[in-house]
Amino acid sequence: MNIPGKRIKRHRLVETDRFVVTLEVEAVIPDADPSEPCYEAETVAFVKEVQLRAEKGDRDWLVRHGRVYELVPTP
């Protein structure tokens, strides 16, 4: 779904017990209601996929799609 409006870049954080992933995603300030930016369905699906892959520990995939911070266990 393509929402008409101004496109802006936003940073989203996805957090799990092992990873924090920083993503740059596109938000839209809709022409119909410019009171606040919103995300299109594709962006929401992408963030959900990042969340699932972070929970599964798919580090290689995460590194290709965002900036990844990983918890280093202390002894």
PDB file of N, CA and C in Angstrom:
ATOM      1  N   MET A   1       0.855  -1.175   0.000  1.00  0.00           N
ATOM      2  CA  MET A   1       0.000   0.000   0.000  1.00  0.00           C
ATOM      3  C   MET A   1       0.896   1.230   0.000  1.00  0.00           C
ATOM      4  N   ASN A   2       0.673   2.114  -0.918  1.00  0.00           N
ATOM      5  CA  ASN A   2       1.466   3.324  -1.034  1.00  0.00           C
ATOM      6  C   ASN A   2       0.648   4.509  -0.536  1.00  0.00           C
ATOM      7  N   ILE A   3       1.030   5.049   0.616  1.00  0.00           N
ATOM      8  CA  ILE A   3       0.318   6.175   1.205  1.00  0.00           C
ATOM      9  C   ILE A   3       0.867   7.470   0.609  1.00  0.00           C
ATOM     10  N   PRO A   4       0.008   8.317   0.035  1.00  0.00           N
ATOM     11  CA  PRO A   4       0.505   9.580  -0.503  1.00  0.00           C
ATOM     12  C   PRO A   4       0.911  10.531   0.622  1.00  0.00           C
ATOM     13  N   GLY A   5       2.092  11.126   0.465  1.00  0.00           N
ATOM     14  CA  GLY A   5       2.564  12.074   1.462  1.00  0.00           C
ATOM     15  C   GLY A   5       4.070  12.215   1.406  1.00  0.00           C
ATOM     16  N   LYS A   6       4.583  13.009   2.306  1.00  0.00           N
ATOM     17  CA  LYS A   6       6.018  13.250   2.372  1.00  0.00           C
ATOM     18  C   LYS A   6       6.709  12.075   3.066  1.00  0.00           C
ATOM     19  N   ARG A   7       7.805  11.622   2.493  1.00  0.00           N
ATOM     20  CA  ARG A   7       8.573  10.500   3.038  1.00  0.00           C
ATOM     21  C   ARG A   7       9.755  11.036   3.835  1.00  0.00           C
ATOM     22  N   ILE A   8       9.931  10.464   5.022  1.00  0.00           N
ATOM     23  CA  ILE A   8      11.049  10.846   5.879  1.00  0.00           C
ATOM     24  C   ILE A   8      11.725   9.587   6.413  1.00  0.00           C
ATOM     25  N   LYS A   9      12.995   9.708   6.767  1.00  0.00           N
ATOM     26  CA  LYS A   9      13.727   8.585   7.347  1.00  0.00           C
ATOM     27  C   LYS A   9      13.620   8.660   8.868  1.00  0.00           C
ATOM     28  N   ARG A  10      13.442   7.508   9.487  1.00  0.00           N
ATOM     29  CA  ARG A  10      13.369   7.373  10.943  1.00  0.00           C
ATOM     30  C   ARG A  10      14.243   6.218  11.369  1.00  0.00           C
ATOM     31  N   HIS A  11      14.721   6.268  12.597  1.00  0.00           N
ATOM     32  CA  HIS A  11      15.471   5.148  13.166  1.00  0.00           C
ATOM     33  C   HIS A  11      14.563   4.392  14.121  1.00  0.00           C
ATOM     34  N   ARG A  12      14.572   3.074  13.979  1.00  0.00           N
ATOM     35  CA  ARG A  12      13.819   2.190  14.875  1.00  0.00           C
ATOM     36  C   ARG A  12      14.797   1.258  15.560  1.00  0.00           C
ATOM     37  N   LEU A  13      14.537   0.943  16.809  1.00  0.00           N
ATOM     38  CA  LEU A  13      15.330  -0.024  17.551  1.00  0.00           C
ATOM     39  C   LEU A  13      14.516  -1.284  17.750  1.00  0.00           C
ATOM     40  N   VAL A  14      15.156  -2.409  17.518  1.00  0.00           N
ATOM     41  CA  VAL A  14      14.562  -3.710  17.812  1.00  0.00           C
ATOM     42  C   VAL A  14      15.439  -4.322  18.897  1.00  0.00           C
ATOM     43  N   GLU A  15      14.830  -4.666  20.024  1.00  0.00           N
ATOM     44  CA  GLU A  15      15.591  -5.166  21.161  1.00  0.00           C
ATOM     45  C   GLU A  15      15.173  -6.589  21.521  1.00  0.00           C
ATOM     46  N   THR A  16      16.160  -7.430  21.773  1.00  0.00           N
ATOM     47  CA  THR A  16      15.924  -8.758  22.329  1.00  0.00           C
ATOM     48  C   THR A  16      16.879  -8.930  23.505  1.00  0.00           C
ATOM     49  N   ASP A  17      16.863 -10.100  24.117  1.00  0.00           N
ATOM     50  CA  ASP A  17      17.768 -10.315  25.243  1.00  0.00           C
ATOM     51  C   ASP A  17      19.229 -10.392  24.807  1.00  0.00           C
ATOM     52  N   ARG A  18      19.493 -10.639  23.527  1.00  0.00           N
ATOM     53  CA  ARG A  18      20.859 -10.781  23.021  1.00  0.00           C
ATOM     54  C   ARG A  18      21.291  -9.641  22.090  1.00  0.00           C
ATOM     55  N   PHE A  19      20.365  -9.068  21.345  1.00  0.00           N
ATOM     56  CA  PHE A  19      20.705  -8.064  20.335  1.00  0.00           C
ATOM     57  C   PHE A  19      19.899  -6.780  20.499  1.00  0.00           C
ATOM     58  N   VAL A  20      20.502  -5.690  20.042  1.00  0.00           N
ATOM     59  CA  VAL A  20      19.778  -4.454  19.753  1.00  0.00           C
ATOM     60  C   VAL A  20      20.140  -4.131  18.312  1.00  0.00           C
ATOM     61  N   VAL A  21      19.127  -3.949  17.478  1.00  0.00           N
ATOM     62  CA  VAL A  21      19.342  -3.667  16.058  1.00  0.00           C
ATOM     63  C   VAL A  21      18.764  -2.293  15.759  1.00  0.00           C
ATOM     64  N   THR A  22      19.586  -1.440  15.162  1.00  0.00           N
ATOM     65  CA  THR A  22      19.148  -0.119  14.738  1.00  0.00           C
ATOM     66  C   THR A  22      18.838  -0.175  13.250  1.00  0.00           C
ATOM     67  N   LEU A  23      17.633   0.237  12.897  1.00  0.00           N
ATOM     68  CA  LEU A  23      17.191   0.219  11.508  1.00  0.00           C
ATOM     69  C   LEU A  23      16.858   1.630  11.051  1.00  0.00           C
ATOM     70  N   GLU A  24      17.186   1.939   9.807  1.00  0.00           N
ATOM     71  CA  GLU A  24      16.699   3.169   9.205  1.00  0.00           C
ATOM     72  C   GLU A  24      15.524   2.783   8.316  1.00  0.00           C
ATOM     73  N   VAL A  25      14.343   3.282   8.657  1.00  0.00           N
ATOM     74  CA  VAL A  25      13.135   2.942   7.906  1.00  0.00           C
ATOM     75  C   VAL A  25      12.472   4.219   7.408  1.00  0.00           C
ATOM     76  N   GLU A  26      11.570   4.048   6.473  1.00  0.00           N
ATOM     77  CA  GLU A  26      10.855   5.180   5.894  1.00  0.00           C
ATOM     78  C   GLU A  26       9.491   5.324   6.557  1.00  0.00           C
ATOM     79  N   ALA A  27       9.205   6.537   7.007  1.00  0.00           N
ATOM     80  CA  ALA A  27       7.883   6.868   7.523  1.00  0.00           C
ATOM     81  C   ALA A  27       7.239   7.848   6.542  1.00  0.00           C
ATOM     82  N   VAL A  28       5.934   7.956   6.625  1.00  0.00           N
ATOM     83  CA  VAL A  28       5.182   8.832   5.722  1.00  0.00           C
ATOM     84  C   VAL A  28       4.374   9.814   6.561  1.00  0.00           C
ATOM     85  N   ILE A  29       4.450  11.079   6.185  1.00  0.00           N
ATOM     86  CA  ILE A  29       3.545  12.080   6.749  1.00  0.00           C
ATOM     87  C   ILE A  29       2.403  12.184   5.745  1.00  0.00           C
ATOM     88  N   PRO A  30       1.265  11.551   6.052  1.00  0.00           N
ATOM     89  CA  PRO A  30       0.181  11.465   5.066  1.00  0.00           C
ATOM     90  C   PRO A  30      -0.407  12.829   4.708  1.00  0.00           C
ATOM     91  N   ASP A  31      -0.726  12.977   3.428  1.00  0.00           N
ATOM     92  CA  ASP A  31      -1.391  14.198   2.974  1.00  0.00           C
ATOM     93  C   ASP A  31      -2.747  14.355   3.661  1.00  0.00           C
ATOM     94  N   ALA A  32      -3.437  13.238   3.890  1.00  0.00           N
ATOM     95  CA  ALA A  32      -4.786  13.272   4.455  1.00  0.00           C
ATOM     96  C   ALA A  32      -4.797  13.661   5.932  1.00  0.00           C
ATOM     97  N   ASP A  33      -3.737  13.322   6.681  1.00  0.00           N
ATOM     98  CA  ASP A  33      -3.668  13.637   8.112  1.00  0.00           C
ATOM     99  C   ASP A  33      -2.213  13.842   8.505  1.00  0.00           C
ATOM    100  N   PRO A  34      -1.701  15.049   8.332  1.00  0.00           N
ATOM    101  CA  PRO A  34      -0.280  15.295   8.596  1.00  0.00           C
ATOM    102  C   PRO A  34       0.064  15.466  10.082  1.00  0.00           C
ATOM    103  N   SER A  35      -0.827  15.073  10.987  1.00  0.00           N
ATOM    104  CA  SER A  35      -0.584  15.286  12.412  1.00  0.00           C
ATOM    105  C   SER A  35       0.577  14.453  12.947  1.00  0.00           C
ATOM    106  N   GLU A  36       0.832  13.282  12.347  1.00  0.00           N
ATOM    107  CA  GLU A  36       1.976  12.478  12.775  1.00  0.00           C
ATOM    108  C   GLU A  36       2.374  11.484  11.684  1.00  0.00           C
ATOM    109  N   PRO A  37       3.661  11.147  11.635  1.00  0.00           N
ATOM    110  CA  PRO A  37       4.131  10.171  10.639  1.00  0.00           C
ATOM    111  C   PRO A  37       3.587   8.777  10.933  1.00  0.00           C
ATOM    112  N   CYS A  38       3.484   7.972   9.888  1.00  0.00           N
ATOM    113  CA  CYS A  38       3.051   6.590  10.051  1.00  0.00           C
ATOM    114  C   CYS A  38       3.928   5.698   9.172  1.00  0.00           C
ATOM    115  N   TYR A  39       3.807   4.398   9.389  1.00  0.00           N
ATOM    116  CA  TYR A  39       4.565   3.421   8.611  1.00  0.00           C
ATOM    117  C   TYR A  39       3.630   2.676   7.677  1.00  0.00           C
ATOM    118  N   GLU A  40       4.140   2.372   6.487  1.00  0.00           N
ATOM    119  CA  GLU A  40       3.376   1.557   5.552  1.00  0.00           C
ATOM    120  C   GLU A  40       3.479   0.093   5.974  1.00  0.00           C
ATOM    121  N   ALA A  41       2.599  -0.732   5.450  1.00  0.00           N
ATOM    122  CA  ALA A  41       2.529  -2.145   5.826  1.00  0.00           C
ATOM    123  C   ALA A  41       3.850  -2.874   5.572  1.00  0.00           C
ATOM    124  N   GLU A  42       4.525  -2.544   4.476  1.00  0.00           N
ATOM    125  CA  GLU A  42       5.793  -3.203   4.148  1.00  0.00           C
ATOM    126  C   GLU A  42       6.861  -2.904   5.201  1.00  0.00           C
ATOM    127  N   THR A  43       6.867  -1.690   5.698  1.00  0.00           N
ATOM    128  CA  THR A  43       7.833  -1.305   6.727  1.00  0.00           C
ATOM    129  C   THR A  43       7.556  -2.042   8.031  1.00  0.00           C
ATOM    130  N   VAL A  44       6.293  -2.135   8.397  1.00  0.00           N
ATOM    131  CA  VAL A  44       5.915  -2.856   9.613  1.00  0.00           C
ATOM    132  C   VAL A  44       6.294  -4.331   9.492  1.00  0.00           C
ATOM    133  N   ALA A  45       6.062  -4.929   8.330  1.00  0.00           N
ATOM    134  CA  ALA A  45       6.423  -6.340   8.115  1.00  0.00           C
ATOM    135  C   ALA A  45       7.933  -6.531   8.214  1.00  0.00           C
ATOM    136  N   PHE A  46       8.704  -5.585   7.682  1.00  0.00           N
ATOM    137  CA  PHE A  46      10.161  -5.675   7.751  1.00  0.00           C
ATOM    138  C   PHE A  46      10.646  -5.601   9.202  1.00  0.00           C
ATOM    139  N   VAL A  47      10.102  -4.693   9.985  1.00  0.00           N
ATOM    140  CA  VAL A  47      10.499  -4.576  11.390  1.00  0.00           C
ATOM    141  C   VAL A  47      10.139  -5.856  12.157  1.00  0.00           C
ATOM    142  N   LYS A  48       8.991  -6.438  11.840  1.00  0.00           N
ATOM    143  CA  LYS A  48       8.606  -7.703  12.483  1.00  0.00           C
ATOM    144  C   LYS A  48       9.561  -8.825  12.098  1.00  0.00           C
ATOM    145  N   GLU A  49       9.996  -8.854  10.843  1.00  0.00           N
ATOM    146  CA  GLU A  49      10.949  -9.872  10.418  1.00  0.00           C
ATOM    147  C   GLU A  49      12.286  -9.702  11.142  1.00  0.00           C
ATOM    148  N   VAL A  50      12.721  -8.472  11.299  1.00  0.00           N
ATOM    149  CA  VAL A  50      13.950  -8.212  12.049  1.00  0.00           C
ATOM    150  C   VAL A  50      13.803  -8.717  13.484  1.00  0.00           C
ATOM    151  N   GLN A  51      12.667  -8.444  14.100  1.00  0.00           N
ATOM    152  CA  GLN A  51      12.411  -8.914  15.468  1.00  0.00           C
ATOM    153  C   GLN A  51      12.502 -10.434  15.549  1.00  0.00           C
ATOM    154  N   LEU A  52      11.857 -11.131  14.626  1.00  0.00           N
ATOM    155  CA  LEU A  52      11.877 -12.600  14.634  1.00  0.00           C
ATOM    156  C   LEU A  52      13.288 -13.145  14.426  1.00  0.00           C
ATOM    157  N   ARG A  53      14.030 -12.559  13.499  1.00  0.00           N
ATOM    158  CA  ARG A  53      15.390 -13.039  13.236  1.00  0.00           C
ATOM    159  C   ARG A  53      16.323 -12.729  14.399  1.00  0.00           C
ATOM    160  N   ALA A  54      16.097 -11.626  15.079  1.00  0.00           N
ATOM    161  CA  ALA A  54      16.894 -11.307  16.262  1.00  0.00           C
ATOM    162  C   ALA A  54      16.600 -12.301  17.381  1.00  0.00           C
ATOM    163  N   GLU A  55      15.338 -12.667  17.548  1.00  0.00           N
ATOM    164  CA  GLU A  55      14.971 -13.658  18.563  1.00  0.00           C
ATOM    165  C   GLU A  55      15.566 -15.028  18.250  1.00  0.00           C
ATOM    166  N   LYS A  56      15.698 -15.368  16.964  1.00  0.00           N
ATOM    167  CA  LYS A  56      16.281 -16.645  16.552  1.00  0.00           C
ATOM    168  C   LYS A  56      17.810 -16.632  16.574  1.00  0.00           C
ATOM    169  N   GLY A  57      18.402 -15.429  16.692  1.00  0.00           N
ATOM    170  CA  GLY A  57      19.857 -15.325  16.727  1.00  0.00           C
ATOM    171  C   GLY A  57      20.519 -15.313  15.368  1.00  0.00           C
ATOM    172  N   ASP A  58      19.810 -14.892  14.332  1.00  0.00           N
ATOM    173  CA  ASP A  58      20.333 -14.872  12.962  1.00  0.00           C
ATOM    174  C   ASP A  58      21.212 -13.636  12.752  1.00  0.00           C
ATOM    175  N   ARG A  59      22.374 -13.638  13.373  1.00  0.00           N
ATOM    176  CA  ARG A  59      23.276 -12.485  13.378  1.00  0.00           C
ATOM    177  C   ARG A  59      23.704 -12.070  11.973  1.00  0.00           C
ATOM    178  N   ASP A  60      24.055 -13.033  11.123  1.00  0.00           N
ATOM    179  CA  ASP A  60      24.516 -12.709   9.770  1.00  0.00           C
ATOM    180  C   ASP A  60      23.464 -11.930   8.984  1.00  0.00           C
ATOM    181  N   TRP A  61      22.203 -12.337   9.071  1.00  0.00           N
ATOM    182  CA  TRP A  61      21.125 -11.639   8.381  1.00  0.00           C
ATOM    183  C   TRP A  61      20.931 -10.241   8.958  1.00  0.00           C
ATOM    184  N   LEU A  62      20.968 -10.138  10.274  1.00  0.00           N
ATOM    185  CA  LEU A  62      20.770  -8.844  10.931  1.00  0.00           C
ATOM    186  C   LEU A  62      21.830  -7.828  10.519  1.00  0.00           C
ATOM    187  N   VAL A  63      23.085  -8.273  10.429  1.00  0.00           N
ATOM    188  CA  VAL A  63      24.190  -7.380  10.067  1.00  0.00           C
ATOM    189  C   VAL A  63      23.996  -6.814   8.661  1.00  0.00           C
ATOM    190  N   ARG A  64      23.370  -7.572   7.788  1.00  0.00           N
ATOM    191  CA  ARG A  64      23.129  -7.095   6.419  1.00  0.00           C
ATOM    192  C   ARG A  64      22.002  -6.059   6.333  1.00  0.00           C
ATOM    193  N   HIS A  65      21.175  -5.973   7.377  1.00  0.00           N
ATOM    194  CA  HIS A  65      19.997  -5.110   7.305  1.00  0.00           C
ATOM    195  C   HIS A  65      19.979  -3.957   8.308  1.00  0.00           C
ATOM    196  N   GLY A  66      20.924  -3.918   9.208  1.00  0.00           N
ATOM    197  CA  GLY A  66      20.941  -2.836  10.185  1.00  0.00           C
ATOM    198  C   GLY A  66      22.244  -2.839  10.958  1.00  0.00           C
ATOM    199  N   ARG A  67      22.322  -1.951  11.907  1.00  0.00           N
ATOM    200  CA  ARG A  67      23.485  -1.891  12.797  1.00  0.00           C
ATOM    201  C   ARG A  67      23.153  -2.751  14.016  1.00  0.00           C
ATOM    202  N   VAL A  68      24.038  -3.701  14.322  1.00  0.00           N
ATOM    203  CA  VAL A  68      23.738  -4.710  15.350  1.00  0.00           C
ATOM    204  C   VAL A  68      24.662  -4.532  16.548  1.00  0.00           C
ATOM    205  N   TYR A  69      24.060  -4.506  17.715  1.00  0.00           N
ATOM    206  CA  TYR A  69      24.799  -4.505  18.972  1.00  0.00           C
ATOM    207  C   TYR A  69      24.467  -5.817  19.670  1.00  0.00           C
ATOM    208  N   GLU A  70      25.500  -6.524  20.081  1.00  0.00           N
ATOM    209  CA  GLU A  70      25.299  -7.854  20.672  1.00  0.00           C
ATOM    210  C   GLU A  70      25.795  -7.865  22.116  1.00  0.00           C
ATOM    211  N   LEU A  71      25.038  -8.471  22.976  1.00  0.00           N
ATOM    212  CA  LEU A  71      25.416  -8.613  24.366  1.00  0.00           C
ATOM    213  C   LEU A  71      26.600  -9.556  24.480  1.00  0.00           C
ATOM    214  N   VAL A  72      27.621  -9.132  25.159  1.00  0.00           N
ATOM    215  CA  VAL A  72      28.784  -9.981  25.402  1.00  0.00           C
ATOM    216  C   VAL A  72      28.688 -10.441  26.846  1.00  0.00           C
ATOM    217  N   PRO A  73      28.503 -11.741  27.058  1.00  0.00           N
ATOM    218  CA  PRO A  73      28.365 -12.231  28.433  1.00  0.00           C
ATOM    219  C   PRO A  73      29.656 -12.012  29.226  1.00  0.00           C
ATOM    220  N   THR A  74      29.485 -11.659  30.477  1.00  0.00           N
ATOM    221  CA  THR A  74      30.651 -11.506  31.342  1.00  0.00           C
ATOM    222  C   THR A  74      30.804 -12.760  32.191  1.00  0.00           C
ATOM    223  N   PRO A  75      32.046 -13.087  32.512  1.00  0.00           N
ATOM    224  CA  PRO A  75      32.269 -14.306  33.308  1.00  0.00           C
ATOM    225  C   PRO A  75      31.803 -14.163  34.736  1.00  0.00           C
TER     226      PRO A  75
END
